[in-house]
């Protein structure tokens, strides 16, 4: 299995404000929002929005496949920052969440300047892994893509997957409980179908 290291960002803890995507110059990450005391009500995690950038547009004049992956990764990184499992966590502990699998469904074209929003929820989790579903929509409500990602908690010093510390698992478990009441799309866990 090919392992992809997530682009790690500054984590300040739970966030209250929606965050903009990483600017094209790459200097500020979206996970620098103001901390919250507790997660919100039983609703998807919706604290990410971005505008489709010129460098993501392909020769067909719309968002290329890699652009969808970047947007999903950035949105999920905001969720990881909320759980304090992002760049600050890695800097403190030498541990990080690695993406080990993802499945993207492309549902609609996006054009330069389209504003996209993400709504994510924890599908499942244990002390070593997170399974996250993220839906991308244009601000007009049109669904444009979904992504399902599997992350493993990796300890760089140990060189292997390890359990999250109890305080990080508690944060994950709290959000997992909040998301337990959400409807599960019928396509979760499916691969490519013809």
N, C-alpha and C. Protein backbone atom coordinates (compact mmCIF):
# COMPACT_ATOMS: atom_id res chain seq x y z
N UNK A 1 0.85 -1.18 0.00
CA UNK A 1 0.00 0.00 0.00
C UNK A 1 0.89 1.23 0.00
N UNK A 2 0.58 2.14 -0.87
CA UNK A 2 1.33 3.39 -0.94
C UNK A 2 0.84 4.31 0.16
N UNK A 3 1.78 4.89 0.89
CA UNK A 3 1.41 5.77 1.99
C UNK A 3 1.68 7.22 1.59
N UNK A 4 0.68 8.06 1.77
CA UNK A 4 0.84 9.47 1.47
C UNK A 4 0.80 10.25 2.77
N UNK A 5 1.83 11.02 2.99
CA UNK A 5 1.87 11.88 4.17
C UNK A 5 0.99 13.09 3.92
N UNK A 6 0.11 13.34 4.84
CA UNK A 6 -0.74 14.53 4.74
C UNK A 6 0.10 15.79 4.76
N UNK A 7 -0.36 16.78 4.07
CA UNK A 7 0.25 18.10 4.20
C UNK A 7 -0.13 18.58 5.59
N UNK A 8 0.86 18.80 6.42
CA UNK A 8 0.58 19.13 7.81
C UNK A 8 0.47 20.64 7.99
N UNK A 9 -0.42 21.02 8.87
CA UNK A 9 -0.71 22.43 9.07
C UNK A 9 -0.69 22.79 10.55
N UNK A 10 -0.67 24.08 10.82
CA UNK A 10 -0.71 24.57 12.18
C UNK A 10 -2.06 24.26 12.80
N UNK A 11 -2.06 23.66 13.98
CA UNK A 11 -3.32 23.34 14.65
C UNK A 11 -3.44 24.18 15.90
N UNK A 12 -4.58 24.81 16.07
CA UNK A 12 -4.81 25.59 17.26
C UNK A 12 -5.92 25.01 18.10
N UNK A 13 -6.37 23.82 17.78
CA UNK A 13 -7.48 23.23 18.51
C UNK A 13 -8.77 23.42 17.75
N UNK A 14 -9.89 23.14 18.38
CA UNK A 14 -11.19 23.26 17.73
C UNK A 14 -11.43 24.67 17.20
N UNK A 15 -12.16 24.77 16.10
CA UNK A 15 -12.36 26.05 15.42
C UNK A 15 -13.83 26.43 15.39
N UNK A 16 -14.11 27.73 15.48
CA UNK A 16 -15.48 28.19 15.39
C UNK A 16 -15.79 28.78 14.03
N UNK A 17 -14.82 29.35 13.36
CA UNK A 17 -15.08 30.03 12.10
C UNK A 17 -14.73 29.14 10.92
N UNK A 18 -15.48 29.33 9.81
CA UNK A 18 -15.08 28.66 8.58
C UNK A 18 -13.74 29.23 8.16
N UNK A 19 -12.89 28.38 7.62
CA UNK A 19 -11.57 28.83 7.22
C UNK A 19 -11.45 28.77 5.71
N UNK A 20 -10.72 29.70 5.17
CA UNK A 20 -10.44 29.72 3.74
C UNK A 20 -9.32 28.73 3.46
N UNK A 21 -9.25 28.29 2.24
CA UNK A 21 -8.21 27.37 1.82
C UNK A 21 -6.84 28.04 1.86
N UNK A 22 -5.83 27.22 1.74
CA UNK A 22 -4.46 27.70 1.67
C UNK A 22 -4.31 28.67 0.50
N UNK A 23 -3.80 29.88 0.75
CA UNK A 23 -3.59 30.81 -0.35
C UNK A 23 -2.60 30.24 -1.36
N UNK A 24 -2.65 30.73 -2.57
CA UNK A 24 -1.79 30.22 -3.64
C UNK A 24 -0.31 30.36 -3.28
N UNK A 25 0.06 31.38 -2.48
CA UNK A 25 1.47 31.52 -2.12
C UNK A 25 1.89 30.57 -1.02
N UNK A 26 0.95 29.82 -0.43
CA UNK A 26 1.26 28.77 0.52
C UNK A 26 1.70 29.20 1.89
N UNK A 27 1.35 30.42 2.36
CA UNK A 27 1.92 30.88 3.61
C UNK A 27 1.03 30.73 4.84
N UNK A 28 -0.27 30.59 4.71
CA UNK A 28 -1.14 30.49 5.88
C UNK A 28 -2.06 29.29 5.71
N UNK A 29 -2.12 28.44 6.71
CA UNK A 29 -2.97 27.25 6.62
C UNK A 29 -4.34 27.55 7.22
N UNK A 30 -5.36 26.80 6.80
CA UNK A 30 -6.73 27.09 7.25
C UNK A 30 -6.99 26.73 8.70
N UNK A 31 -6.09 26.03 9.34
CA UNK A 31 -6.38 25.54 10.69
C UNK A 31 -5.94 26.50 11.79
N UNK A 32 -5.90 27.78 11.52
CA UNK A 32 -5.50 28.76 12.51
C UNK A 32 -6.69 29.47 13.14
N UNK A 33 -7.85 28.85 13.08
CA UNK A 33 -9.06 29.48 13.60
C UNK A 33 -9.07 29.51 15.12
N UNK A 34 -10.03 30.23 15.65
CA UNK A 34 -10.18 30.41 17.08
C UNK A 34 -10.71 29.13 17.74
N UNK A 35 -10.12 28.67 18.87
CA UNK A 35 -10.58 27.44 19.52
C UNK A 35 -12.00 27.53 20.07
N UNK A 36 -12.70 26.41 20.04
CA UNK A 36 -14.00 26.20 20.66
C UNK A 36 -13.80 25.31 21.87
N UNK A 37 -14.72 25.35 22.79
CA UNK A 37 -14.65 24.47 23.94
C UNK A 37 -15.12 23.06 23.60
N UNK A 38 -16.17 22.93 22.80
CA UNK A 38 -16.75 21.63 22.50
C UNK A 38 -17.26 21.59 21.07
N UNK A 39 -17.40 20.37 20.51
CA UNK A 39 -17.98 20.28 19.18
C UNK A 39 -19.44 20.71 19.19
N UNK A 40 -19.93 21.06 17.99
CA UNK A 40 -21.30 21.52 17.86
C UNK A 40 -22.30 20.38 17.89
N UNK A 41 -23.54 20.67 17.50
CA UNK A 41 -24.60 19.66 17.52
C UNK A 41 -24.34 18.57 16.47
N UNK A 42 -25.21 17.59 16.45
CA UNK A 42 -25.06 16.47 15.54
C UNK A 42 -25.26 16.93 14.10
N UNK A 43 -24.20 17.43 13.51
CA UNK A 43 -24.19 17.90 12.14
C UNK A 43 -22.80 17.66 11.58
N UNK A 44 -22.68 17.58 10.26
CA UNK A 44 -21.33 17.42 9.70
C UNK A 44 -20.44 18.59 10.09
N UNK A 45 -19.15 18.34 10.10
CA UNK A 45 -18.14 19.35 10.38
C UNK A 45 -18.01 20.21 9.13
N UNK A 46 -18.42 21.46 9.20
CA UNK A 46 -18.49 22.33 8.02
C UNK A 46 -17.77 23.64 8.26
N UNK A 47 -16.46 23.58 8.30
CA UNK A 47 -15.67 24.78 8.62
C UNK A 47 -14.62 25.07 7.56
N UNK A 48 -14.88 24.66 6.34
CA UNK A 48 -13.92 24.88 5.26
C UNK A 48 -14.65 25.37 4.01
N UNK A 49 -14.07 26.37 3.37
CA UNK A 49 -14.55 26.85 2.08
C UNK A 49 -13.34 27.31 1.27
N UNK A 50 -13.43 27.20 -0.05
CA UNK A 50 -12.34 27.64 -0.92
C UNK A 50 -12.90 28.06 -2.26
N UNK A 51 -12.11 28.80 -2.99
CA UNK A 51 -12.46 29.19 -4.35
C UNK A 51 -11.55 28.44 -5.30
N UNK A 52 -12.10 27.91 -6.38
CA UNK A 52 -11.32 27.16 -7.37
C UNK A 52 -10.29 28.09 -7.99
N UNK A 53 -9.02 27.67 -7.93
CA UNK A 53 -7.89 28.49 -8.38
C UNK A 53 -7.47 28.16 -9.81
N UNK A 54 -6.84 29.13 -10.44
CA UNK A 54 -6.38 28.98 -11.82
C UNK A 54 -5.47 27.77 -12.00
N UNK A 55 -4.56 27.54 -11.05
CA UNK A 55 -3.60 26.44 -11.20
C UNK A 55 -4.26 25.06 -11.10
N UNK A 56 -5.52 25.00 -10.71
CA UNK A 56 -6.25 23.73 -10.63
C UNK A 56 -7.06 23.44 -11.90
N UNK A 57 -7.10 24.38 -12.82
CA UNK A 57 -7.93 24.23 -14.02
C UNK A 57 -7.17 23.44 -15.09
N UNK A 58 -7.85 22.47 -15.71
CA UNK A 58 -7.21 21.65 -16.74
C UNK A 58 -7.52 22.17 -18.14
N UNK A 59 -7.04 21.45 -19.14
CA UNK A 59 -7.23 21.87 -20.54
C UNK A 59 -8.68 21.80 -20.99
N UNK A 60 -9.57 21.20 -20.20
CA UNK A 60 -11.00 21.21 -20.50
C UNK A 60 -11.70 22.43 -19.92
N UNK A 61 -10.95 23.24 -19.17
CA UNK A 61 -11.52 24.45 -18.60
C UNK A 61 -12.23 24.26 -17.27
N UNK A 62 -12.01 23.11 -16.62
CA UNK A 62 -12.63 22.90 -15.31
C UNK A 62 -11.63 22.29 -14.33
N UNK A 63 -12.04 22.19 -13.09
CA UNK A 63 -11.19 21.67 -12.02
C UNK A 63 -10.68 20.28 -12.40
N UNK A 64 -9.35 20.10 -12.34
CA UNK A 64 -8.80 18.79 -12.69
C UNK A 64 -8.96 17.82 -11.52
N UNK A 65 -8.73 16.54 -11.80
CA UNK A 65 -8.95 15.52 -10.77
C UNK A 65 -8.07 15.74 -9.54
N UNK A 66 -6.83 16.17 -9.75
CA UNK A 66 -5.95 16.43 -8.61
C UNK A 66 -6.45 17.61 -7.78
N UNK A 67 -7.11 18.57 -8.41
CA UNK A 67 -7.67 19.71 -7.68
C UNK A 67 -8.72 19.28 -6.68
N UNK A 68 -9.58 18.34 -7.08
CA UNK A 68 -10.57 17.81 -6.14
C UNK A 68 -9.87 17.16 -4.94
N UNK A 69 -8.80 16.42 -5.22
CA UNK A 69 -8.06 15.77 -4.14
C UNK A 69 -7.44 16.79 -3.19
N UNK A 70 -6.90 17.88 -3.73
CA UNK A 70 -6.32 18.94 -2.90
C UNK A 70 -7.39 19.56 -2.01
N UNK A 71 -8.54 19.87 -2.58
CA UNK A 71 -9.62 20.50 -1.81
C UNK A 71 -10.08 19.55 -0.70
N UNK A 72 -10.26 18.28 -1.01
CA UNK A 72 -10.67 17.31 0.02
C UNK A 72 -9.61 17.20 1.11
N UNK A 73 -8.34 17.17 0.72
CA UNK A 73 -7.25 17.09 1.70
C UNK A 73 -7.23 18.30 2.61
N UNK A 74 -7.38 19.50 2.03
CA UNK A 74 -7.40 20.71 2.85
C UNK A 74 -8.59 20.70 3.81
N UNK A 75 -9.75 20.30 3.32
CA UNK A 75 -10.94 20.24 4.18
C UNK A 75 -10.73 19.26 5.33
N UNK A 76 -10.18 18.10 5.02
CA UNK A 76 -9.95 17.10 6.07
C UNK A 76 -8.89 17.56 7.06
N UNK A 77 -7.92 18.33 6.57
CA UNK A 77 -6.89 18.84 7.47
C UNK A 77 -7.48 19.80 8.50
N UNK A 78 -8.50 20.57 8.12
CA UNK A 78 -9.18 21.44 9.08
C UNK A 78 -9.84 20.58 10.16
N UNK A 79 -10.45 19.47 9.76
CA UNK A 79 -11.04 18.55 10.73
C UNK A 79 -9.96 17.97 11.65
N UNK A 80 -8.82 17.57 11.08
CA UNK A 80 -7.73 17.04 11.91
C UNK A 80 -7.21 18.09 12.87
N UNK A 81 -7.14 19.34 12.44
CA UNK A 81 -6.71 20.42 13.33
C UNK A 81 -7.71 20.61 14.47
N UNK A 82 -8.99 20.49 14.15
CA UNK A 82 -10.03 20.57 15.19
C UNK A 82 -9.79 19.52 16.27
N UNK A 83 -9.35 18.34 15.84
CA UNK A 83 -9.08 17.24 16.78
C UNK A 83 -7.69 17.32 17.39
N UNK A 84 -6.93 18.37 17.07
CA UNK A 84 -5.54 18.56 17.50
C UNK A 84 -4.66 17.38 17.06
N UNK A 85 -4.85 16.98 15.81
CA UNK A 85 -4.05 15.91 15.22
C UNK A 85 -3.35 16.40 13.95
N UNK A 86 -2.97 17.68 13.93
CA UNK A 86 -2.37 18.28 12.75
C UNK A 86 -0.92 18.68 13.04
N UNK A 87 -0.46 19.77 12.46
CA UNK A 87 0.96 20.16 12.52
C UNK A 87 1.47 20.41 13.93
N UNK A 88 0.71 21.11 14.76
CA UNK A 88 1.18 21.34 16.14
C UNK A 88 1.35 20.01 16.88
N UNK A 89 0.44 19.10 16.66
CA UNK A 89 0.52 17.77 17.28
C UNK A 89 1.80 17.07 16.83
N UNK A 90 2.07 17.10 15.53
CA UNK A 90 3.29 16.47 15.01
C UNK A 90 4.53 17.13 15.61
N UNK A 91 4.54 18.47 15.69
CA UNK A 91 5.69 19.18 16.24
C UNK A 91 5.93 18.82 17.70
N UNK A 92 4.85 18.64 18.46
CA UNK A 92 4.97 18.30 19.88
C UNK A 92 5.36 16.85 20.12
N UNK A 93 4.84 15.95 19.27
CA UNK A 93 4.91 14.52 19.59
C UNK A 93 5.70 13.67 18.61
N UNK A 94 5.93 14.16 17.40
CA UNK A 94 6.55 13.33 16.37
C UNK A 94 5.58 12.31 15.77
N UNK A 95 4.30 12.50 16.04
CA UNK A 95 3.27 11.60 15.51
C UNK A 95 2.37 12.40 14.57
N UNK A 96 1.78 11.70 13.61
CA UNK A 96 0.91 12.38 12.64
C UNK A 96 -0.10 11.39 12.08
N UNK A 97 -1.13 11.95 11.45
CA UNK A 97 -2.11 11.12 10.75
C UNK A 97 -1.66 10.99 9.30
N UNK A 98 -1.50 9.75 8.84
CA UNK A 98 -1.11 9.47 7.45
C UNK A 98 -2.34 9.00 6.68
N UNK A 99 -2.47 9.51 5.47
CA UNK A 99 -3.52 9.03 4.58
C UNK A 99 -3.03 7.73 3.96
N UNK A 100 -3.80 6.67 4.09
CA UNK A 100 -3.39 5.39 3.51
C UNK A 100 -4.33 4.91 2.42
N UNK A 101 -5.51 5.53 2.34
CA UNK A 101 -6.45 5.16 1.28
C UNK A 101 -7.46 6.28 1.11
N UNK A 102 -7.87 6.48 -0.15
CA UNK A 102 -8.97 7.42 -0.39
C UNK A 102 -9.72 7.00 -1.64
N UNK A 103 -10.98 7.38 -1.66
CA UNK A 103 -11.84 7.12 -2.81
C UNK A 103 -12.60 8.41 -3.08
N UNK A 104 -12.46 8.94 -4.30
CA UNK A 104 -13.12 10.18 -4.67
C UNK A 104 -14.17 9.89 -5.74
N UNK A 105 -15.35 10.45 -5.52
CA UNK A 105 -16.43 10.39 -6.52
C UNK A 105 -16.58 11.78 -7.11
N UNK A 106 -16.41 11.90 -8.42
CA UNK A 106 -16.55 13.17 -9.13
C UNK A 106 -17.98 13.28 -9.62
N UNK A 107 -18.71 14.27 -9.14
CA UNK A 107 -20.14 14.36 -9.42
C UNK A 107 -20.53 15.49 -10.36
N UNK A 108 -19.77 16.58 -10.37
CA UNK A 108 -20.09 17.72 -11.22
C UNK A 108 -18.82 18.52 -11.50
N UNK A 109 -18.82 19.19 -12.62
CA UNK A 109 -17.68 20.03 -12.98
C UNK A 109 -17.65 21.29 -12.13
N UNK A 110 -16.43 21.77 -11.89
CA UNK A 110 -16.23 23.04 -11.21
C UNK A 110 -15.37 23.91 -12.11
N UNK A 111 -15.65 25.18 -12.12
CA UNK A 111 -14.94 26.13 -12.98
C UNK A 111 -14.18 27.14 -12.12
N UNK A 112 -13.26 27.82 -12.76
CA UNK A 112 -12.47 28.86 -12.10
C UNK A 112 -13.40 29.83 -11.36
N UNK A 113 -13.09 30.08 -10.10
CA UNK A 113 -13.87 31.01 -9.29
C UNK A 113 -15.04 30.41 -8.54
N UNK A 114 -15.42 29.17 -8.88
CA UNK A 114 -16.49 28.52 -8.11
C UNK A 114 -16.08 28.45 -6.65
N UNK A 115 -17.01 28.72 -5.76
CA UNK A 115 -16.76 28.62 -4.32
C UNK A 115 -17.28 27.28 -3.85
N UNK A 116 -16.40 26.51 -3.20
CA UNK A 116 -16.73 25.17 -2.72
C UNK A 116 -16.73 25.15 -1.20
N UNK A 117 -17.67 24.39 -0.65
CA UNK A 117 -17.74 24.18 0.80
C UNK A 117 -17.64 22.68 1.07
N UNK A 118 -17.13 22.35 2.23
CA UNK A 118 -16.97 20.95 2.61
C UNK A 118 -17.77 20.66 3.87
N UNK A 119 -18.36 19.47 3.89
CA UNK A 119 -19.05 18.96 5.09
C UNK A 119 -18.51 17.56 5.33
N UNK A 120 -17.88 17.37 6.49
CA UNK A 120 -17.22 16.10 6.80
C UNK A 120 -17.82 15.46 8.04
N UNK A 121 -17.71 14.14 8.10
CA UNK A 121 -18.06 13.45 9.34
C UNK A 121 -17.19 12.22 9.51
N UNK A 122 -17.01 11.85 10.78
CA UNK A 122 -16.27 10.62 11.09
C UNK A 122 -17.21 9.44 10.85
N UNK A 123 -16.83 8.58 9.95
CA UNK A 123 -17.61 7.38 9.66
C UNK A 123 -17.36 6.35 10.76
N UNK A 124 -16.08 6.19 11.09
CA UNK A 124 -15.68 5.25 12.14
C UNK A 124 -14.29 5.64 12.61
N UNK A 125 -13.90 5.11 13.75
CA UNK A 125 -12.58 5.40 14.30
C UNK A 125 -12.26 4.41 15.40
N UNK A 126 -10.98 4.22 15.60
CA UNK A 126 -10.48 3.54 16.79
C UNK A 126 -9.18 4.24 17.16
N UNK A 127 -8.47 3.75 18.14
CA UNK A 127 -7.30 4.47 18.64
C UNK A 127 -6.16 4.57 17.63
N UNK A 128 -6.22 3.81 16.54
CA UNK A 128 -5.16 3.85 15.54
C UNK A 128 -5.59 4.39 14.18
N UNK A 129 -6.89 4.61 13.97
CA UNK A 129 -7.33 5.00 12.63
C UNK A 129 -8.60 5.84 12.66
N UNK A 130 -8.74 6.64 11.59
CA UNK A 130 -9.94 7.45 11.37
C UNK A 130 -10.43 7.18 9.95
N UNK A 131 -11.72 7.07 9.80
CA UNK A 131 -12.34 6.98 8.48
C UNK A 131 -13.25 8.19 8.36
N UNK A 132 -12.98 9.04 7.36
CA UNK A 132 -13.66 10.32 7.21
C UNK A 132 -14.36 10.38 5.85
N UNK A 133 -15.60 10.86 5.85
CA UNK A 133 -16.33 11.13 4.62
C UNK A 133 -16.47 12.64 4.50
N UNK A 134 -16.18 13.16 3.31
CA UNK A 134 -16.31 14.60 3.06
C UNK A 134 -17.08 14.81 1.77
N UNK A 135 -18.08 15.67 1.83
CA UNK A 135 -18.86 16.05 0.65
C UNK A 135 -18.51 17.48 0.28
N UNK A 136 -18.22 17.70 -1.00
CA UNK A 136 -17.95 19.04 -1.50
C UNK A 136 -19.16 19.53 -2.28
N UNK A 137 -19.57 20.76 -2.02
CA UNK A 137 -20.67 21.36 -2.76
C UNK A 137 -20.28 22.77 -3.18
N UNK A 138 -20.87 23.21 -4.29
CA UNK A 138 -20.76 24.63 -4.63
C UNK A 138 -21.70 25.38 -3.69
N UNK A 139 -21.48 26.68 -3.57
CA UNK A 139 -22.32 27.46 -2.66
C UNK A 139 -23.79 27.47 -3.07
N UNK A 140 -24.09 27.09 -4.34
CA UNK A 140 -25.49 26.99 -4.76
C UNK A 140 -26.13 25.67 -4.33
N UNK A 141 -25.36 24.83 -3.63
CA UNK A 141 -25.87 23.56 -3.12
C UNK A 141 -25.61 22.36 -4.02
N UNK A 142 -25.04 22.56 -5.19
CA UNK A 142 -24.75 21.46 -6.11
C UNK A 142 -23.63 20.60 -5.57
N UNK A 143 -23.89 19.31 -5.41
CA UNK A 143 -22.84 18.37 -4.98
C UNK A 143 -21.84 18.19 -6.11
N UNK A 144 -20.55 18.38 -5.83
CA UNK A 144 -19.54 18.26 -6.88
C UNK A 144 -18.61 17.06 -6.68
N UNK A 145 -18.43 16.61 -5.45
CA UNK A 145 -17.56 15.45 -5.20
C UNK A 145 -17.76 14.95 -3.78
N UNK A 146 -17.39 13.70 -3.58
CA UNK A 146 -17.29 13.16 -2.23
C UNK A 146 -15.95 12.45 -2.12
N UNK A 147 -15.44 12.41 -0.92
CA UNK A 147 -14.20 11.69 -0.66
C UNK A 147 -14.33 10.89 0.61
N UNK A 148 -13.81 9.69 0.57
CA UNK A 148 -13.75 8.85 1.76
C UNK A 148 -12.28 8.53 1.99
N UNK A 149 -11.79 8.88 3.18
CA UNK A 149 -10.36 8.75 3.48
C UNK A 149 -10.14 7.90 4.73
N UNK A 150 -9.09 7.11 4.68
CA UNK A 150 -8.65 6.34 5.84
C UNK A 150 -7.30 6.88 6.28
N UNK A 151 -7.23 7.27 7.54
CA UNK A 151 -6.00 7.81 8.13
C UNK A 151 -5.51 6.87 9.22
N UNK A 152 -4.19 6.70 9.30
CA UNK A 152 -3.58 5.93 10.38
C UNK A 152 -2.71 6.84 11.23
N UNK A 153 -2.70 6.58 12.54
CA UNK A 153 -1.90 7.35 13.48
C UNK A 153 -0.49 6.76 13.48
N UNK A 154 0.47 7.53 12.95
CA UNK A 154 1.82 7.03 12.75
C UNK A 154 2.79 7.74 13.67
N UNK A 155 3.63 6.96 14.34
CA UNK A 155 4.67 7.48 15.23
C UNK A 155 6.00 7.38 14.48
N UNK A 156 6.58 8.53 14.14
CA UNK A 156 7.80 8.53 13.34
C UNK A 156 8.99 7.94 14.09
N UNK A 157 9.08 8.16 15.39
CA UNK A 157 10.19 7.60 16.17
C UNK A 157 10.11 6.08 16.21
N UNK A 158 8.92 5.55 16.38
CA UNK A 158 8.72 4.10 16.42
C UNK A 158 8.74 3.49 15.02
N UNK A 159 8.46 4.32 14.01
CA UNK A 159 8.45 3.83 12.63
C UNK A 159 7.26 2.94 12.32
N UNK A 160 6.16 3.16 13.03
CA UNK A 160 4.99 2.30 12.82
C UNK A 160 3.72 3.00 13.30
N UNK A 161 2.60 2.37 12.98
CA UNK A 161 1.30 2.84 13.46
C UNK A 161 1.20 2.53 14.95
N UNK A 162 0.74 3.52 15.71
CA UNK A 162 0.56 3.36 17.16
C UNK A 162 -0.80 3.94 17.57
N UNK A 163 -1.19 3.65 18.78
CA UNK A 163 -2.44 4.20 19.34
C UNK A 163 -2.25 5.69 19.64
N UNK A 164 -3.32 6.44 19.45
CA UNK A 164 -3.32 7.85 19.84
C UNK A 164 -3.21 7.94 21.35
N UNK A 165 -2.65 9.01 21.88
CA UNK A 165 -2.68 9.22 23.32
C UNK A 165 -4.13 9.35 23.80
N UNK A 166 -4.40 9.02 25.05
CA UNK A 166 -5.78 9.06 25.55
C UNK A 166 -6.52 10.37 25.33
N UNK A 167 -5.84 11.51 25.48
CA UNK A 167 -6.54 12.79 25.31
C UNK A 167 -6.92 13.04 23.84
N UNK A 168 -6.13 12.57 22.91
CA UNK A 168 -6.48 12.71 21.49
C UNK A 168 -7.60 11.75 21.13
N UNK A 169 -7.52 10.52 21.66
CA UNK A 169 -8.60 9.57 21.40
C UNK A 169 -9.91 10.08 21.99
N UNK A 170 -9.87 10.72 23.15
CA UNK A 170 -11.09 11.26 23.77
C UNK A 170 -11.73 12.30 22.86
N UNK A 171 -10.92 13.16 22.25
CA UNK A 171 -11.46 14.17 21.32
C UNK A 171 -12.10 13.50 20.10
N UNK A 172 -11.43 12.50 19.56
CA UNK A 172 -11.97 11.76 18.41
C UNK A 172 -13.27 11.06 18.80
N UNK A 173 -13.26 10.40 19.94
CA UNK A 173 -14.45 9.66 20.39
C UNK A 173 -15.64 10.59 20.61
N UNK A 174 -15.37 11.79 21.13
CA UNK A 174 -16.45 12.77 21.32
C UNK A 174 -17.08 13.15 19.99
N UNK A 175 -16.24 13.46 18.99
CA UNK A 175 -16.78 13.83 17.68
C UNK A 175 -17.45 12.63 17.00
N UNK A 176 -16.90 11.46 17.18
CA UNK A 176 -17.51 10.24 16.63
C UNK A 176 -18.91 10.05 17.20
N UNK A 177 -19.08 10.30 18.48
CA UNK A 177 -20.39 10.21 19.13
C UNK A 177 -21.35 11.25 18.54
N UNK A 178 -20.86 12.47 18.34
CA UNK A 178 -21.67 13.53 17.75
C UNK A 178 -22.12 13.13 16.34
N UNK A 179 -21.24 12.51 15.58
CA UNK A 179 -21.54 12.14 14.20
C UNK A 179 -22.29 10.82 14.06
N UNK A 180 -22.45 10.08 15.13
CA UNK A 180 -23.09 8.77 15.05
C UNK A 180 -24.54 8.84 14.56
N UNK A 181 -25.22 9.93 14.83
CA UNK A 181 -26.63 10.06 14.45
C UNK A 181 -26.83 10.49 12.99
N UNK A 182 -25.74 10.86 12.31
CA UNK A 182 -25.86 11.33 10.93
C UNK A 182 -26.16 10.17 9.98
N UNK A 183 -26.95 10.45 8.96
CA UNK A 183 -27.23 9.44 7.93
C UNK A 183 -25.95 9.07 7.21
N UNK A 184 -25.83 7.80 6.86
CA UNK A 184 -24.69 7.30 6.12
C UNK A 184 -25.08 7.12 4.66
N UNK A 185 -24.33 7.74 3.74
CA UNK A 185 -24.63 7.55 2.33
C UNK A 185 -24.52 6.07 1.95
N UNK A 186 -25.34 5.64 1.01
CA UNK A 186 -25.33 4.22 0.61
C UNK A 186 -24.04 3.83 -0.08
N UNK A 187 -23.32 4.78 -0.65
CA UNK A 187 -22.09 4.46 -1.38
C UNK A 187 -20.86 4.32 -0.49
N UNK A 188 -20.96 4.58 0.81
CA UNK A 188 -19.79 4.46 1.69
C UNK A 188 -19.18 3.06 1.59
N UNK A 189 -17.87 3.02 1.50
CA UNK A 189 -17.15 1.76 1.48
C UNK A 189 -17.12 1.06 0.13
N UNK A 190 -17.79 1.62 -0.85
CA UNK A 190 -17.80 0.99 -2.18
C UNK A 190 -16.58 1.42 -2.97
N UNK A 191 -16.13 0.55 -3.83
CA UNK A 191 -15.05 0.89 -4.77
C UNK A 191 -15.64 1.34 -6.08
N UNK A 192 -14.87 1.19 -7.11
CA UNK A 192 -15.31 1.59 -8.45
C UNK A 192 -16.32 0.59 -8.97
N UNK A 193 -17.43 1.11 -9.47
CA UNK A 193 -18.46 0.26 -10.05
C UNK A 193 -18.65 0.63 -11.51
N UNK A 194 -18.90 -0.38 -12.33
CA UNK A 194 -19.13 -0.09 -13.76
C UNK A 194 -20.57 -0.34 -14.14
